[in-house]
């Protein structure tokens, strides 16, 4: 077994769509970033890369490379899943936490879980999605952005 930890954060920006775990969520602002700025999927990607010993998301998809401008983060996830598979590893479980004041994640939790599971090629029961707020503290608490954390557990393929 191998375990990796991922973290990402993005600030809110007008005129952008909000994508969380591959699901577009209705909101008055989206997250700023070179790609679609899917903070949750980016954290999952970093957790997978960490568990597989493959560096980090910035090494694979640098924001200086125009190929990744407005990229679909779920496509990036599928690419990374291929790299993980090339190492003889498979996803056992992914646990995530979204940190944002708004919008509320609860109404979207199941759709996000199903979306991430599909992107990872695992049943939804192998993916967990939690959410919390910043309790009014820091950039998240002030509603300036969102952050996400993920832990991925990989196993060696039989």
N, C-alpha and C. Protein backbone atom coordinates (compact mmCIF):
# COMPACT_ATOMS: atom_id res chain seq x y z
N UNK A 1 0.84 -1.19 0.00
CA UNK A 1 0.00 0.00 0.00
C UNK A 1 0.88 1.25 0.00
N UNK A 2 0.38 2.27 -0.66
CA UNK A 2 1.06 3.56 -0.69
C UNK A 2 0.01 4.64 -0.46
N UNK A 3 0.43 5.70 0.24
CA UNK A 3 -0.49 6.79 0.56
C UNK A 3 0.11 8.11 0.11
N UNK A 4 -0.74 8.98 -0.43
CA UNK A 4 -0.30 10.31 -0.84
C UNK A 4 -1.29 11.35 -0.35
N UNK A 5 -0.78 12.56 -0.14
CA UNK A 5 -1.59 13.67 0.34
C UNK A 5 -1.57 14.77 -0.73
N UNK A 6 -2.73 15.36 -0.98
CA UNK A 6 -2.81 16.45 -1.93
C UNK A 6 -3.50 17.66 -1.32
N UNK A 7 -3.10 18.84 -1.77
CA UNK A 7 -3.70 20.09 -1.31
C UNK A 7 -3.71 21.06 -2.49
N UNK A 8 -4.76 21.85 -2.58
CA UNK A 8 -4.80 22.91 -3.57
C UNK A 8 -5.70 24.02 -3.06
N UNK A 9 -5.49 25.22 -3.59
CA UNK A 9 -6.36 26.36 -3.27
C UNK A 9 -6.41 27.28 -4.48
N UNK A 10 -7.55 27.95 -4.63
CA UNK A 10 -7.73 28.92 -5.71
C UNK A 10 -8.60 30.04 -5.17
N UNK A 11 -8.40 31.24 -5.69
CA UNK A 11 -9.24 32.36 -5.30
C UNK A 11 -10.47 32.42 -6.20
N UNK A 12 -11.54 33.01 -5.68
CA UNK A 12 -12.74 33.21 -6.48
C UNK A 12 -12.51 34.31 -7.49
N UNK A 13 -13.19 34.21 -8.65
CA UNK A 13 -13.08 35.21 -9.70
C UNK A 13 -14.41 35.30 -10.45
N UNK A 14 -14.80 36.52 -10.75
CA UNK A 14 -16.03 36.73 -11.52
C UNK A 14 -15.83 36.23 -12.94
N UNK A 15 -16.93 35.80 -13.55
CA UNK A 15 -16.89 35.38 -14.94
C UNK A 15 -16.34 33.99 -15.17
N UNK A 16 -16.14 33.24 -14.12
CA UNK A 16 -15.65 31.87 -14.25
C UNK A 16 -16.73 30.92 -13.74
N UNK A 17 -16.75 29.71 -14.26
CA UNK A 17 -17.68 28.71 -13.73
C UNK A 17 -17.01 27.99 -12.57
N UNK A 18 -17.82 27.52 -11.64
CA UNK A 18 -17.31 26.82 -10.47
C UNK A 18 -17.43 25.32 -10.71
N UNK A 19 -16.28 24.66 -10.74
CA UNK A 19 -16.22 23.22 -10.95
C UNK A 19 -15.59 22.59 -9.71
N UNK A 20 -16.27 21.63 -9.12
CA UNK A 20 -15.79 20.93 -7.93
C UNK A 20 -15.90 19.42 -8.17
N UNK A 21 -14.78 18.75 -8.24
CA UNK A 21 -14.80 17.32 -8.45
C UNK A 21 -15.43 16.91 -9.77
N UNK A 22 -15.28 17.77 -10.78
CA UNK A 22 -15.82 17.48 -12.10
C UNK A 22 -17.27 17.87 -12.28
N UNK A 23 -17.87 18.47 -11.26
CA UNK A 23 -19.29 18.86 -11.31
C UNK A 23 -19.37 20.38 -11.34
N UNK A 24 -20.09 20.91 -12.32
CA UNK A 24 -20.31 22.35 -12.36
C UNK A 24 -21.39 22.70 -11.35
N UNK A 25 -21.07 23.61 -10.44
CA UNK A 25 -21.96 24.01 -9.36
C UNK A 25 -22.39 25.45 -9.60
N UNK A 26 -23.68 25.70 -9.56
CA UNK A 26 -24.18 27.07 -9.77
C UNK A 26 -23.69 27.98 -8.64
N UNK A 27 -23.05 29.07 -9.04
CA UNK A 27 -22.54 30.03 -8.07
C UNK A 27 -22.25 31.33 -8.81
N UNK A 28 -22.23 32.44 -8.09
CA UNK A 28 -22.01 33.74 -8.73
C UNK A 28 -20.56 33.97 -9.15
N UNK A 29 -19.64 33.14 -8.67
CA UNK A 29 -18.23 33.22 -9.04
C UNK A 29 -17.68 31.82 -9.23
N UNK A 30 -16.62 31.74 -10.01
CA UNK A 30 -15.89 30.48 -10.14
C UNK A 30 -14.53 30.64 -9.50
N UNK A 31 -13.66 29.70 -9.74
CA UNK A 31 -12.31 29.77 -9.20
C UNK A 31 -11.33 30.13 -10.30
N UNK A 32 -10.40 31.00 -9.98
CA UNK A 32 -9.39 31.45 -10.93
C UNK A 32 -8.29 30.41 -11.05
N UNK A 33 -7.83 30.20 -12.28
CA UNK A 33 -6.73 29.27 -12.49
C UNK A 33 -6.44 29.12 -13.97
N UNK A 34 -5.31 28.48 -14.26
CA UNK A 34 -4.90 28.27 -15.64
C UNK A 34 -5.82 27.26 -16.33
N UNK A 35 -6.21 26.23 -15.60
CA UNK A 35 -7.14 25.23 -16.12
C UNK A 35 -8.55 25.64 -15.70
N UNK A 36 -9.44 24.67 -15.53
CA UNK A 36 -10.79 24.99 -15.04
C UNK A 36 -10.79 25.28 -13.54
N UNK A 37 -9.62 25.17 -12.89
CA UNK A 37 -9.43 25.51 -11.47
C UNK A 37 -10.27 24.65 -10.54
N UNK A 38 -10.47 23.39 -10.91
CA UNK A 38 -11.22 22.45 -10.08
C UNK A 38 -10.34 22.06 -8.89
N UNK A 39 -10.48 22.82 -7.83
CA UNK A 39 -9.61 22.70 -6.65
C UNK A 39 -9.64 21.29 -6.05
N UNK A 40 -10.79 20.65 -6.06
CA UNK A 40 -10.91 19.31 -5.47
C UNK A 40 -10.20 18.27 -6.33
N UNK A 41 -10.42 18.31 -7.62
CA UNK A 41 -9.75 17.35 -8.50
C UNK A 41 -8.25 17.57 -8.49
N UNK A 42 -7.80 18.81 -8.39
CA UNK A 42 -6.37 19.08 -8.31
C UNK A 42 -5.76 18.46 -7.05
N UNK A 43 -6.45 18.54 -5.94
CA UNK A 43 -5.96 17.92 -4.71
C UNK A 43 -5.88 16.40 -4.86
N UNK A 44 -6.88 15.81 -5.51
CA UNK A 44 -6.87 14.36 -5.74
C UNK A 44 -5.70 13.99 -6.64
N UNK A 45 -5.48 14.77 -7.70
CA UNK A 45 -4.35 14.50 -8.60
C UNK A 45 -3.03 14.52 -7.83
N UNK A 46 -2.84 15.53 -6.99
CA UNK A 46 -1.59 15.60 -6.22
C UNK A 46 -1.46 14.43 -5.25
N UNK A 47 -2.56 13.99 -4.65
CA UNK A 47 -2.51 12.84 -3.74
C UNK A 47 -2.10 11.58 -4.51
N UNK A 48 -2.66 11.39 -5.70
CA UNK A 48 -2.29 10.22 -6.52
C UNK A 48 -0.83 10.27 -6.92
N UNK A 49 -0.39 11.44 -7.39
CA UNK A 49 1.00 11.59 -7.80
C UNK A 49 1.95 11.35 -6.62
N UNK A 50 1.57 11.84 -5.45
CA UNK A 50 2.40 11.62 -4.27
C UNK A 50 2.49 10.16 -3.90
N UNK A 51 1.37 9.47 -3.91
CA UNK A 51 1.37 8.05 -3.54
C UNK A 51 2.19 7.22 -4.53
N UNK A 52 2.19 7.64 -5.80
CA UNK A 52 2.92 6.90 -6.82
C UNK A 52 4.37 7.35 -6.96
N UNK A 53 4.76 8.39 -6.20
CA UNK A 53 6.13 8.90 -6.29
C UNK A 53 6.40 9.59 -7.61
N UNK A 54 5.40 10.30 -8.14
CA UNK A 54 5.50 10.92 -9.46
C UNK A 54 5.51 12.44 -9.42
N UNK A 55 5.94 13.03 -8.31
CA UNK A 55 6.04 14.48 -8.25
C UNK A 55 4.72 15.15 -7.93
N UNK A 56 4.46 16.29 -8.58
CA UNK A 56 3.24 17.04 -8.28
C UNK A 56 2.59 17.54 -9.56
N UNK A 57 1.40 18.08 -9.41
CA UNK A 57 0.59 18.52 -10.54
C UNK A 57 1.30 19.59 -11.38
N UNK A 58 2.05 20.47 -10.74
CA UNK A 58 2.75 21.53 -11.46
C UNK A 58 3.84 21.01 -12.38
N UNK A 59 4.43 19.86 -12.05
CA UNK A 59 5.44 19.26 -12.91
C UNK A 59 4.81 18.68 -14.17
N UNK A 60 3.63 18.11 -14.04
CA UNK A 60 2.97 17.44 -15.15
C UNK A 60 2.15 18.40 -16.02
N UNK A 61 1.56 19.42 -15.39
CA UNK A 61 0.68 20.35 -16.09
C UNK A 61 1.02 21.79 -15.69
N UNK A 62 2.20 22.29 -16.07
CA UNK A 62 2.62 23.62 -15.63
C UNK A 62 1.72 24.72 -16.17
N UNK A 63 1.50 25.74 -15.35
CA UNK A 63 0.64 26.85 -15.77
C UNK A 63 1.32 27.76 -16.79
N UNK A 64 2.56 27.45 -17.14
CA UNK A 64 3.27 28.18 -18.19
C UNK A 64 3.06 27.53 -19.55
N UNK A 65 2.39 26.40 -19.59
CA UNK A 65 2.15 25.66 -20.83
C UNK A 65 0.73 25.92 -21.31
N UNK A 66 0.61 26.55 -22.46
CA UNK A 66 -0.70 26.93 -23.00
C UNK A 66 -1.58 25.72 -23.32
N UNK A 67 -0.99 24.53 -23.46
CA UNK A 67 -1.81 23.33 -23.70
C UNK A 67 -2.81 23.09 -22.58
N UNK A 68 -2.51 23.57 -21.38
CA UNK A 68 -3.36 23.30 -20.22
C UNK A 68 -4.30 24.45 -19.90
N UNK A 69 -4.29 25.55 -20.72
CA UNK A 69 -5.20 26.67 -20.46
C UNK A 69 -6.64 26.18 -20.59
N UNK A 70 -7.43 26.43 -19.55
CA UNK A 70 -8.85 26.04 -19.48
C UNK A 70 -9.06 24.52 -19.59
N UNK A 71 -8.03 23.75 -19.28
CA UNK A 71 -8.13 22.29 -19.37
C UNK A 71 -9.18 21.75 -18.41
N UNK A 72 -9.83 20.69 -18.83
CA UNK A 72 -10.78 19.95 -18.01
C UNK A 72 -9.97 19.13 -17.01
N UNK A 73 -10.11 19.42 -15.74
CA UNK A 73 -9.32 18.74 -14.72
C UNK A 73 -9.62 17.25 -14.64
N UNK A 74 -10.81 16.84 -15.06
CA UNK A 74 -11.11 15.40 -15.08
C UNK A 74 -10.28 14.69 -16.14
N UNK A 75 -9.98 15.37 -17.25
CA UNK A 75 -9.10 14.79 -18.26
C UNK A 75 -7.68 14.68 -17.69
N UNK A 76 -7.25 15.67 -16.92
CA UNK A 76 -5.94 15.60 -16.26
C UNK A 76 -5.91 14.43 -15.29
N UNK A 77 -7.01 14.23 -14.56
CA UNK A 77 -7.10 13.12 -13.61
C UNK A 77 -6.95 11.79 -14.35
N UNK A 78 -7.64 11.64 -15.46
CA UNK A 78 -7.55 10.38 -16.22
C UNK A 78 -6.13 10.15 -16.72
N UNK A 79 -5.44 11.22 -17.13
CA UNK A 79 -4.05 11.09 -17.57
C UNK A 79 -3.18 10.59 -16.41
N UNK A 80 -3.35 11.19 -15.26
CA UNK A 80 -2.56 10.80 -14.08
C UNK A 80 -2.89 9.37 -13.67
N UNK A 81 -4.14 8.99 -13.78
CA UNK A 81 -4.52 7.61 -13.46
C UNK A 81 -3.76 6.63 -14.36
N UNK A 82 -3.55 7.00 -15.62
CA UNK A 82 -2.76 6.16 -16.52
C UNK A 82 -1.31 6.05 -16.05
N UNK A 83 -0.74 7.15 -15.58
CA UNK A 83 0.63 7.12 -15.06
C UNK A 83 0.73 6.22 -13.82
N UNK A 84 -0.29 6.32 -12.97
CA UNK A 84 -0.34 5.48 -11.76
C UNK A 84 -0.41 4.01 -12.17
N UNK A 85 -1.25 3.70 -13.14
CA UNK A 85 -1.37 2.32 -13.63
C UNK A 85 -0.08 1.81 -14.24
N UNK A 86 0.65 2.70 -14.94
CA UNK A 86 1.93 2.32 -15.51
C UNK A 86 2.95 1.92 -14.45
N UNK A 87 2.74 2.41 -13.24
CA UNK A 87 3.61 2.04 -12.11
C UNK A 87 3.15 0.76 -11.42
N UNK A 88 2.11 0.13 -11.96
CA UNK A 88 1.61 -1.12 -11.37
C UNK A 88 0.76 -0.88 -10.14
N UNK A 89 0.18 0.33 -10.02
CA UNK A 89 -0.61 0.69 -8.85
C UNK A 89 -2.06 0.90 -9.24
N UNK A 90 -2.95 0.69 -8.29
CA UNK A 90 -4.38 0.88 -8.49
C UNK A 90 -4.96 1.66 -7.31
N UNK A 91 -6.00 2.43 -7.58
CA UNK A 91 -6.64 3.22 -6.53
C UNK A 91 -7.47 2.31 -5.64
N UNK A 92 -7.19 2.37 -4.36
CA UNK A 92 -7.96 1.64 -3.36
C UNK A 92 -9.04 2.53 -2.77
N UNK A 93 -8.65 3.76 -2.39
CA UNK A 93 -9.59 4.67 -1.75
C UNK A 93 -9.07 6.10 -1.85
N UNK A 94 -9.98 7.06 -1.95
CA UNK A 94 -9.63 8.48 -1.93
C UNK A 94 -10.58 9.18 -0.96
N UNK A 95 -10.01 9.94 -0.04
CA UNK A 95 -10.78 10.72 0.92
C UNK A 95 -10.46 12.18 0.69
N UNK A 96 -11.50 13.02 0.60
CA UNK A 96 -11.30 14.43 0.28
C UNK A 96 -12.02 15.34 1.26
N UNK A 97 -11.53 16.56 1.36
CA UNK A 97 -12.20 17.61 2.13
C UNK A 97 -12.15 18.91 1.34
N UNK A 98 -13.31 19.48 1.08
CA UNK A 98 -13.43 20.81 0.48
C UNK A 98 -13.54 21.82 1.61
N UNK A 99 -12.85 22.96 1.47
CA UNK A 99 -12.91 24.00 2.48
C UNK A 99 -13.35 25.29 1.77
N UNK A 100 -14.60 25.70 2.03
CA UNK A 100 -15.12 26.92 1.43
C UNK A 100 -16.35 27.37 2.21
N UNK A 101 -16.59 28.66 2.16
CA UNK A 101 -17.73 29.23 2.88
C UNK A 101 -19.03 29.04 2.10
N UNK A 102 -18.94 29.22 0.80
CA UNK A 102 -20.10 29.13 -0.06
C UNK A 102 -19.63 28.71 -1.43
N UNK A 103 -20.44 28.05 -2.20
CA UNK A 103 -21.78 27.55 -1.89
C UNK A 103 -21.70 26.33 -0.98
N UNK A 104 -22.83 25.96 -0.45
CA UNK A 104 -22.91 24.75 0.36
C UNK A 104 -22.65 23.53 -0.52
N UNK A 105 -21.85 22.61 -0.04
CA UNK A 105 -21.48 21.43 -0.80
C UNK A 105 -22.52 20.32 -0.66
N UNK A 106 -23.23 20.26 0.46
CA UNK A 106 -24.16 19.17 0.73
C UNK A 106 -25.06 18.78 -0.43
N UNK A 107 -25.72 19.72 -1.09
CA UNK A 107 -26.62 19.36 -2.18
C UNK A 107 -25.90 18.74 -3.39
N UNK A 108 -24.58 18.91 -3.47
CA UNK A 108 -23.80 18.44 -4.62
C UNK A 108 -22.90 17.26 -4.28
N UNK A 109 -22.86 16.89 -3.00
CA UNK A 109 -21.90 15.89 -2.53
C UNK A 109 -21.98 14.57 -3.30
N UNK A 110 -23.18 14.03 -3.48
CA UNK A 110 -23.31 12.74 -4.15
C UNK A 110 -22.86 12.82 -5.60
N UNK A 111 -23.23 13.90 -6.30
CA UNK A 111 -22.81 14.05 -7.69
C UNK A 111 -21.29 14.18 -7.80
N UNK A 112 -20.67 14.90 -6.88
CA UNK A 112 -19.22 15.04 -6.86
C UNK A 112 -18.56 13.70 -6.61
N UNK A 113 -19.08 12.96 -5.67
CA UNK A 113 -18.53 11.64 -5.33
C UNK A 113 -18.59 10.71 -6.54
N UNK A 114 -19.74 10.68 -7.21
CA UNK A 114 -19.92 9.83 -8.38
C UNK A 114 -18.99 10.27 -9.51
N UNK A 115 -18.85 11.57 -9.71
CA UNK A 115 -17.98 12.10 -10.75
C UNK A 115 -16.52 11.73 -10.50
N UNK A 116 -16.05 11.93 -9.28
CA UNK A 116 -14.67 11.58 -8.96
C UNK A 116 -14.44 10.08 -9.10
N UNK A 117 -15.39 9.28 -8.64
CA UNK A 117 -15.26 7.83 -8.74
C UNK A 117 -15.16 7.41 -10.20
N UNK A 118 -15.99 7.99 -11.05
CA UNK A 118 -15.93 7.67 -12.48
C UNK A 118 -14.57 8.05 -13.06
N UNK A 119 -14.07 9.22 -12.69
CA UNK A 119 -12.77 9.65 -13.18
C UNK A 119 -11.63 8.76 -12.70
N UNK A 120 -11.80 8.20 -11.52
CA UNK A 120 -10.79 7.32 -10.94
C UNK A 120 -10.97 5.86 -11.36
N UNK A 121 -12.12 5.55 -11.96
CA UNK A 121 -12.39 4.17 -12.37
C UNK A 121 -12.65 3.24 -11.21
N UNK A 122 -13.25 3.77 -10.15
CA UNK A 122 -13.57 2.95 -8.97
C UNK A 122 -15.04 3.14 -8.61
N UNK A 123 -15.61 2.21 -7.84
CA UNK A 123 -16.99 2.41 -7.37
C UNK A 123 -17.07 3.61 -6.42
N UNK A 124 -18.22 4.28 -6.39
CA UNK A 124 -18.37 5.47 -5.53
C UNK A 124 -18.07 5.21 -4.06
N UNK A 125 -18.26 4.00 -3.58
CA UNK A 125 -17.98 3.74 -2.16
C UNK A 125 -16.49 3.81 -1.84
N UNK A 126 -15.64 3.91 -2.85
CA UNK A 126 -14.20 4.07 -2.61
C UNK A 126 -13.77 5.53 -2.61
N UNK A 127 -14.73 6.44 -2.70
CA UNK A 127 -14.44 7.88 -2.70
C UNK A 127 -15.29 8.53 -1.62
N UNK A 128 -14.67 9.37 -0.81
CA UNK A 128 -15.40 10.10 0.22
C UNK A 128 -15.21 11.60 -0.01
N UNK A 129 -16.30 12.35 0.12
CA UNK A 129 -16.26 13.80 -0.05
C UNK A 129 -16.83 14.45 1.20
N UNK A 130 -16.00 15.25 1.86
CA UNK A 130 -16.42 16.00 3.04
C UNK A 130 -16.27 17.49 2.74
N UNK A 131 -16.91 18.30 3.55
CA UNK A 131 -16.78 19.75 3.38
C UNK A 131 -16.81 20.43 4.74
N UNK A 132 -16.12 21.56 4.80
CA UNK A 132 -16.11 22.38 6.00
C UNK A 132 -15.91 23.82 5.58
N UNK A 133 -15.98 24.72 6.54
CA UNK A 133 -15.77 26.14 6.28
C UNK A 133 -14.50 26.60 6.99
N UNK A 134 -14.16 27.84 6.79
CA UNK A 134 -13.02 28.43 7.49
C UNK A 134 -13.43 29.14 8.77
N UNK A 135 -14.71 29.02 9.16
CA UNK A 135 -15.21 29.64 10.39
C UNK A 135 -14.87 31.13 10.46
N UNK A 136 -14.89 31.78 9.28
CA UNK A 136 -14.63 33.22 9.24
C UNK A 136 -13.17 33.61 9.30
N UNK A 137 -12.27 32.63 9.32
CA UNK A 137 -10.84 32.92 9.44
C UNK A 137 -10.13 32.71 8.11
N UNK A 138 -9.12 33.53 7.84
CA UNK A 138 -8.29 33.37 6.65
C UNK A 138 -9.01 33.65 5.35
N UNK A 139 -8.32 33.36 4.22
CA UNK A 139 -8.89 33.67 2.91
C UNK A 139 -10.17 32.88 2.65
N UNK A 140 -10.23 31.65 3.13
CA UNK A 140 -11.46 30.86 2.94
C UNK A 140 -12.58 31.46 3.78
N UNK A 141 -12.31 31.77 5.02
CA UNK A 141 -13.32 32.32 5.92
C UNK A 141 -13.87 33.65 5.46
N UNK A 142 -13.04 34.43 4.76
CA UNK A 142 -13.49 35.71 4.21
C UNK A 142 -14.22 35.53 2.88
N UNK A 143 -14.32 34.29 2.40
CA UNK A 143 -15.01 34.02 1.14
C UNK A 143 -14.22 34.41 -0.08
N UNK A 144 -12.90 34.50 0.05
CA UNK A 144 -12.06 34.92 -1.06
C UNK A 144 -11.67 33.76 -1.98
N UNK A 145 -11.83 32.54 -1.50
CA UNK A 145 -11.43 31.39 -2.30
C UNK A 145 -11.83 30.09 -1.65
N UNK A 146 -11.30 29.02 -2.20
CA UNK A 146 -11.59 27.67 -1.71
C UNK A 146 -10.30 26.87 -1.67
N UNK A 147 -10.28 25.88 -0.83
CA UNK A 147 -9.15 24.96 -0.73
C UNK A 147 -9.69 23.55 -0.68
N UNK A 148 -8.82 22.59 -0.94
CA UNK A 148 -9.21 21.19 -0.86
C UNK A 148 -8.01 20.36 -0.46
N UNK A 149 -8.30 19.29 0.24
CA UNK A 149 -7.29 18.32 0.64
C UNK A 149 -7.76 16.94 0.21
N UNK A 150 -6.80 16.07 -0.07
CA UNK A 150 -7.15 14.70 -0.44
C UNK A 150 -6.07 13.75 0.04
N UNK A 151 -6.50 12.54 0.37
CA UNK A 151 -5.59 11.45 0.71
C UNK A 151 -5.95 10.30 -0.21
N UNK A 152 -4.95 9.77 -0.91
CA UNK A 152 -5.17 8.64 -1.80
C UNK A 152 -4.42 7.43 -1.29
N UNK A 153 -5.07 6.30 -1.30
CA UNK A 153 -4.44 5.03 -0.95
C UNK A 153 -4.39 4.20 -2.22
N UNK A 154 -3.18 3.79 -2.58
CA UNK A 154 -2.97 2.96 -3.76
C UNK A 154 -2.47 1.60 -3.32
N UNK A 155 -2.81 0.58 -4.09
CA UNK A 155 -2.31 -0.77 -3.83
C UNK A 155 -1.59 -1.27 -5.07
N UNK A 156 -0.71 -2.22 -4.86
CA UNK A 156 -0.01 -2.86 -5.98
C UNK A 156 -0.99 -3.81 -6.66
N UNK A 157 -1.04 -3.73 -7.99
CA UNK A 157 -1.92 -4.63 -8.73
C UNK A 157 -1.42 -6.06 -8.59
N UNK A 158 -2.36 -6.97 -8.49
CA UNK A 158 -2.01 -8.41 -8.37
C UNK A 158 -1.58 -8.93 -9.73
